[in-house]
Protein backbone atom coordinates (compact mmCIF):
# COMPACT_ATOMS: atom_id res chain seq x y z
CA MET A 1 -25.34 -144.16 176.94
CA ARG A 2 -27.38 -143.22 173.88
CA ASP A 3 -30.44 -145.08 175.19
CA GLN A 4 -30.09 -143.33 178.55
CA ILE A 5 -29.91 -139.94 176.87
CA ASP A 6 -32.90 -140.73 174.65
CA ASP A 7 -34.97 -141.88 177.62
CA ILE A 8 -34.17 -138.78 179.68
CA LEU A 9 -34.61 -136.27 176.87
CA SER A 10 -37.91 -137.86 175.84
CA GLY A 11 -39.22 -137.89 179.40
CA ARG A 12 -39.38 -141.69 179.64
CA ALA A 13 -36.83 -141.59 182.47
CA ARG A 14 -35.95 -139.07 185.12
CA PRO A 15 -32.39 -138.00 185.93
CA ALA A 16 -31.01 -139.11 189.27
CA PRO A 17 -31.20 -136.32 191.84
CA ALA A 18 -27.94 -134.44 192.36
CA ARG A 19 -26.71 -134.57 195.95
CA HIS A 20 -25.11 -131.48 197.45
CA ALA A 21 -21.37 -131.95 197.89
CA ALA A 22 -18.26 -129.95 198.69
CA THR A 23 -14.63 -130.33 197.62
CA VAL A 24 -11.59 -128.45 198.84
CA VAL A 25 -8.37 -127.71 196.98
CA VAL A 26 -5.78 -127.63 199.77
CA LEU A 27 -2.80 -125.52 198.67
CA ARG A 28 0.72 -124.89 199.90
CA ASP A 29 3.80 -122.94 198.84
CA HIS A 30 6.82 -125.22 198.35
CA ASP A 31 10.33 -123.80 198.61
CA ARG A 32 11.49 -125.36 195.32
CA HIS A 33 8.34 -126.27 193.41
CA GLY A 34 6.16 -123.25 194.16
CA LEU A 35 2.38 -123.53 194.40
CA GLN A 36 1.16 -127.10 194.97
CA ALA A 37 -2.24 -128.77 195.42
CA PHE A 38 -2.99 -131.91 197.43
CA MET A 39 -4.61 -134.67 195.36
CA LEU A 40 -5.86 -138.20 195.96
CA ARG A 41 -6.26 -141.06 193.49
CA ARG A 42 -9.56 -142.85 194.03
CA VAL A 43 -9.39 -146.62 194.36
CA ARG A 44 -10.53 -148.47 191.26
CA SER A 45 -13.35 -150.24 193.12
CA MET A 46 -15.23 -146.96 193.68
CA ALA A 47 -18.56 -146.62 191.87
CA PHE A 48 -17.94 -142.96 191.03
CA ALA A 49 -14.78 -141.84 189.19
CA PRO A 50 -12.69 -144.98 189.87
CA GLY A 51 -8.96 -144.37 189.45
CA ALA A 52 -9.40 -140.61 189.03
CA TYR A 53 -7.22 -137.98 190.70
CA VAL A 54 -9.43 -135.72 192.79
CA PHE A 55 -9.38 -133.18 195.59
CA PRO A 56 -10.64 -134.04 199.09
CA GLY A 57 -14.40 -133.81 199.39
CA GLY A 58 -17.73 -135.57 199.51
CA SER A 59 -21.46 -135.37 200.06
CA VAL A 60 -23.24 -133.25 202.62
CA ASP A 61 -24.29 -135.06 205.80
CA PRO A 62 -27.76 -133.92 206.98
CA ARG A 63 -26.21 -133.06 210.36
CA ASP A 64 -23.72 -130.69 208.72
CA GLY A 65 -26.42 -128.04 209.07
CA GLU A 66 -26.39 -128.03 212.86
CA ALA A 67 -26.72 -124.40 213.85
CA ASP A 68 -25.11 -124.47 217.29
CA LEU A 69 -21.48 -125.07 216.32
CA ALA A 70 -18.93 -122.30 216.90
CA TRP A 71 -18.26 -120.39 213.68
CA SER A 72 -15.73 -117.73 212.67
CA GLY A 73 -15.56 -115.93 209.35
CA PRO A 74 -18.10 -115.25 206.60
CA SER A 75 -21.60 -116.24 207.71
CA PRO A 76 -23.75 -118.90 206.02
CA ALA A 77 -25.72 -116.05 204.45
CA GLU A 78 -22.53 -114.65 202.89
CA TRP A 79 -21.55 -118.09 201.62
CA GLY A 80 -25.04 -118.49 200.24
CA ALA A 81 -24.66 -115.27 198.30
CA ALA A 82 -21.34 -116.46 196.86
CA PHE A 83 -22.69 -119.85 195.81
CA LYS A 84 -26.27 -118.77 195.05
CA ALA A 85 -27.63 -121.12 197.72
CA ASP A 86 -30.02 -120.68 200.62
CA GLU A 87 -28.52 -120.12 204.07
CA LYS A 88 -29.16 -123.68 205.31
CA THR A 89 -27.54 -125.26 202.26
CA ALA A 90 -24.60 -122.87 202.48
CA ARG A 91 -24.01 -123.82 206.13
CA GLU A 92 -24.11 -127.50 205.20
CA LEU A 93 -21.67 -126.99 202.33
CA VAL A 94 -19.07 -125.16 204.41
CA CYS A 95 -19.32 -127.74 207.20
CA ALA A 96 -19.10 -130.58 204.69
CA ALA A 97 -16.02 -128.97 203.13
CA VAL A 98 -14.20 -128.79 206.48
CA ARG A 99 -15.43 -132.20 207.69
CA GLU A 100 -14.59 -134.09 204.49
CA THR A 101 -11.13 -132.52 204.32
CA PHE A 102 -10.43 -133.71 207.86
CA GLU A 103 -11.86 -137.18 207.18
CA GLU A 104 -9.73 -137.68 204.07
CA THR A 105 -6.50 -135.86 204.97
CA LEU A 106 -6.54 -135.00 208.73
CA VAL A 107 -6.24 -131.34 207.72
CA LEU A 108 -8.58 -129.40 210.02
CA LEU A 109 -9.71 -125.83 209.29
CA ALA A 110 -10.68 -125.09 212.88
CA GLY A 111 -9.03 -123.79 216.01
CA PRO A 112 -9.47 -123.08 219.75
CA THR A 113 -10.44 -119.48 218.92
CA GLY A 114 -11.77 -117.56 215.95
CA ASP A 115 -8.28 -116.40 215.00
CA SER A 116 -6.25 -119.57 215.63
CA VAL A 117 -5.99 -123.03 214.07
CA VAL A 118 -5.14 -126.46 215.40
CA ASP A 119 -1.40 -126.93 214.86
CA ASP A 120 -1.22 -130.74 214.87
CA THR A 121 -3.80 -133.46 214.22
CA ARG A 122 -1.52 -136.45 214.61
CA GLY A 123 -2.19 -139.00 217.37
CA ASP A 124 -4.59 -141.80 218.25
CA ASP A 125 -7.19 -139.43 219.72
CA TRP A 126 -7.50 -137.51 216.43
CA GLU A 127 -7.72 -140.75 214.47
CA ALA A 128 -10.50 -141.95 216.79
CA ASP A 129 -12.41 -138.74 216.09
CA ARG A 130 -11.89 -139.17 212.35
CA GLN A 131 -13.27 -142.70 212.51
CA ALA A 132 -16.28 -141.54 214.53
CA LEU A 133 -17.05 -138.99 211.83
CA LEU A 134 -16.69 -141.63 209.14
CA ASP A 135 -19.06 -144.09 210.80
CA ARG A 136 -21.41 -141.23 211.69
CA SER A 137 -21.36 -142.07 215.41
CA GLN A 138 -20.70 -138.38 216.02
CA SER A 139 -21.65 -135.34 213.99
CA PHE A 140 -19.17 -132.69 212.93
CA GLY A 141 -20.78 -130.23 215.33
CA GLU A 142 -20.42 -132.69 218.21
CA PHE A 143 -16.76 -133.23 217.32
CA LEU A 144 -15.99 -129.50 217.32
CA GLY A 145 -18.02 -128.87 220.47
CA ARG A 146 -16.38 -131.64 222.49
CA ARG A 147 -12.92 -130.36 221.55
CA GLY A 148 -13.87 -126.72 222.06
CA LEU A 149 -13.05 -125.79 218.48
CA VAL A 150 -14.30 -123.01 216.21
CA LEU A 151 -14.94 -123.66 212.51
CA ARG A 152 -12.81 -121.21 210.48
CA SER A 153 -14.89 -120.40 207.43
CA ASP A 154 -12.54 -117.47 206.80
CA LEU A 155 -9.81 -119.94 205.79
CA LEU A 156 -11.88 -121.01 202.78
CA ARG A 157 -12.61 -119.20 199.53
CA PRO A 158 -15.35 -120.06 196.99
CA TRP A 159 -13.93 -121.26 193.68
CA ALA A 160 -16.38 -123.08 191.40
CA HIS A 161 -19.70 -124.91 191.04
CA TRP A 162 -20.15 -128.07 188.96
CA ILE A 163 -23.14 -130.41 188.51
CA THR A 164 -22.81 -133.99 187.22
CA PRO A 165 -24.50 -134.55 183.82
CA ILE A 166 -28.12 -135.75 183.91
CA VAL A 167 -27.22 -139.02 182.20
CA GLU A 168 -25.03 -140.26 185.08
CA PRO A 169 -26.57 -142.69 187.63
CA LYS A 170 -24.76 -140.93 190.51
CA ARG A 171 -24.96 -137.16 190.43
CA TYR A 172 -23.50 -134.42 192.60
CA ASP A 173 -24.15 -130.70 192.90
CA THR A 174 -20.64 -129.73 194.00
CA ARG A 175 -19.21 -126.47 195.24
CA PHE A 176 -15.44 -126.10 195.02
CA PHE A 177 -13.44 -124.29 197.71
CA VAL A 178 -9.76 -123.39 197.99
CA ALA A 179 -7.81 -123.20 201.25
CA ALA A 180 -4.24 -122.82 202.47
CA MET A 181 -2.61 -125.72 204.29
CA PRO A 182 -2.63 -124.69 207.99
CA GLU A 183 0.81 -124.12 209.47
CA GLY A 184 1.97 -127.05 211.59
CA GLN A 185 -0.47 -129.57 210.15
CA ARG A 186 0.36 -132.33 207.66
CA ALA A 187 -1.90 -133.76 204.96
CA ARG A 188 -1.83 -137.54 205.29
CA ASP A 189 -2.86 -140.59 203.27
CA VAL A 190 -5.65 -141.81 205.54
CA SER A 191 -8.67 -142.19 203.24
CA THR A 192 -9.81 -145.72 202.40
CA GLU A 193 -11.28 -144.26 199.20
CA ALA A 194 -7.79 -143.40 197.88
CA ASP A 195 -4.78 -145.56 197.09
CA GLN A 196 -2.32 -142.75 196.40
CA VAL A 197 -1.84 -139.10 197.31
CA ALA A 198 0.43 -136.38 195.97
CA TRP A 199 1.38 -132.75 196.37
CA VAL A 200 1.69 -131.49 192.81
CA ARG A 201 2.05 -128.24 190.90
CA PRO A 202 -1.25 -127.53 189.11
CA ALA A 203 0.50 -127.20 185.74
CA GLU A 204 2.26 -130.55 186.21
CA ALA A 205 -1.02 -132.26 187.09
CA VAL A 206 -2.58 -130.84 183.93
CA GLU A 207 0.34 -132.10 181.85
CA ARG A 208 -0.02 -135.59 183.33
CA ALA A 209 -3.75 -135.63 182.61
CA GLN A 210 -3.37 -134.42 179.04
CA ALA A 211 -0.62 -137.01 178.46
CA GLY A 212 -2.98 -139.75 179.61
CA GLU A 213 -0.95 -140.55 182.72
CA TRP A 214 -3.54 -139.37 185.25
CA THR A 215 -7.31 -139.77 184.92
CA MET A 216 -9.29 -136.64 185.82
CA LEU A 217 -12.84 -135.46 185.49
CA PRO A 218 -13.43 -132.13 183.69
CA PRO A 219 -14.08 -130.10 186.90
CA THR A 220 -10.75 -131.20 188.37
CA LEU A 221 -8.79 -130.50 185.21
CA THR A 222 -10.44 -127.11 184.73
CA THR A 223 -9.70 -126.11 188.32
CA LEU A 224 -6.04 -127.11 188.00
CA ASN A 225 -5.72 -125.12 184.79
CA GLU A 226 -7.12 -122.06 186.51
CA LEU A 227 -4.77 -122.50 189.48
CA SER A 228 -1.74 -122.86 187.23
CA ALA A 229 -2.00 -119.13 186.50
CA PHE A 230 -1.05 -118.28 190.11
CA ASP A 231 2.36 -118.24 191.77
CA THR A 232 1.44 -118.41 195.46
CA VAL A 233 -1.33 -119.47 197.80
CA ALA A 234 -1.87 -115.84 198.76
CA ASP A 235 -2.46 -114.97 195.10
CA VAL A 236 -5.11 -117.69 194.82
CA LEU A 237 -6.91 -116.64 197.99
CA ALA A 238 -6.93 -112.99 196.88
CA ALA A 239 -8.31 -113.70 193.41
CA PRO A 240 -11.86 -112.39 192.78
CA ARG A 241 -14.26 -115.12 191.66
CA GLU A 242 -17.69 -115.06 190.07
CA ILE A 243 -19.26 -118.47 190.68
CA ILE A 244 -20.96 -119.79 187.55
CA VAL A 245 -22.73 -123.15 187.41
CA HIS A 246 -21.10 -125.60 185.00
CA GLU A 247 -23.00 -128.72 183.90
CA PRO A 248 -21.89 -130.87 180.96
CA THR A 249 -24.81 -131.56 178.61
CA ALA A 250 -25.80 -134.99 177.29
CA LYS A 251 -26.68 -134.85 173.58
CA ILE A 252 -27.19 -137.06 170.55
CA ILE A 253 -25.08 -135.67 167.69
CA ASP A 254 -25.15 -137.38 164.29
CA GLY A 255 -26.61 -140.46 165.91
CA GLU A 256 -23.90 -140.75 168.56
CA ALA A 257 -24.02 -140.03 172.29
CA TRP A 258 -21.85 -137.17 173.52
CA LEU A 259 -21.23 -135.25 176.71
CA VAL A 260 -20.73 -131.64 175.69
CA LEU A 261 -18.47 -129.80 178.12
CA PRO A 262 -18.82 -126.14 179.05
CA GLU A 263 -16.65 -124.08 176.70
CA LYS A 264 -14.08 -123.28 179.37
CA ALA A 265 -13.56 -126.94 180.29
CA ALA A 266 -13.48 -128.08 176.67
CA GLU A 267 -10.39 -125.90 176.11
CA TYR A 268 -8.39 -128.01 178.54
CA TYR A 269 -9.76 -131.52 178.19
CA PRO A 270 -7.80 -134.01 176.06
CA LYS A 271 -9.31 -134.44 172.61
CA GLY A 272 -10.33 -137.77 171.17
């Protein structure tokens, strides 16, 4: 990694472009365990973050910006203000957040009207739609339009913004959202990119990561630490957030290559 850092810092090489992406922390209140987050463990064959526990999410599809889909809740302009993005990018990010969550968990933040939500996404017809989104034979807007559904942007809240370090060959400019698990729906293990899923208390997930039991990237661990301060989903959704961009920095220190984490993340990440 030292040679990569030297090449980039000296201008001999250019960093890979960071693709816009969205990730969603789906939350629920459990009768016995309290606040829980839904997490997936990425299969070890993945090029990016193999074996890591993550939240549902992925890259923006160019068609996520289709302007004619039915929309309820904060407008793309309002989301752009929250995430410091232009209106087109903000629309794409919100659509990607809802689409990727459905693709990876069958949780759908949309409903027949602007104040309702689909109560069940089980069945062969929903799975066929999920597959069509995955193979890109239909866009997210086409999927919602054919089913007569309204995207519920009001069910999401902005949470964080992280950018992959410049030294990495695959880079993402990722906005983090939080959302409550819709009543009646069930998060399922349907993603081919994951080999295990779990509902887990944020504090427990942090403990497992710091004990070396679960692999996590700094953005995931930082987010879980922040969420561990809350007792209920309602508390999380009501929390005021100022979105600050976090990007670990690649540096050469005393002749060795290091990724220097933002101060907030460094507090939580295992040492050594």
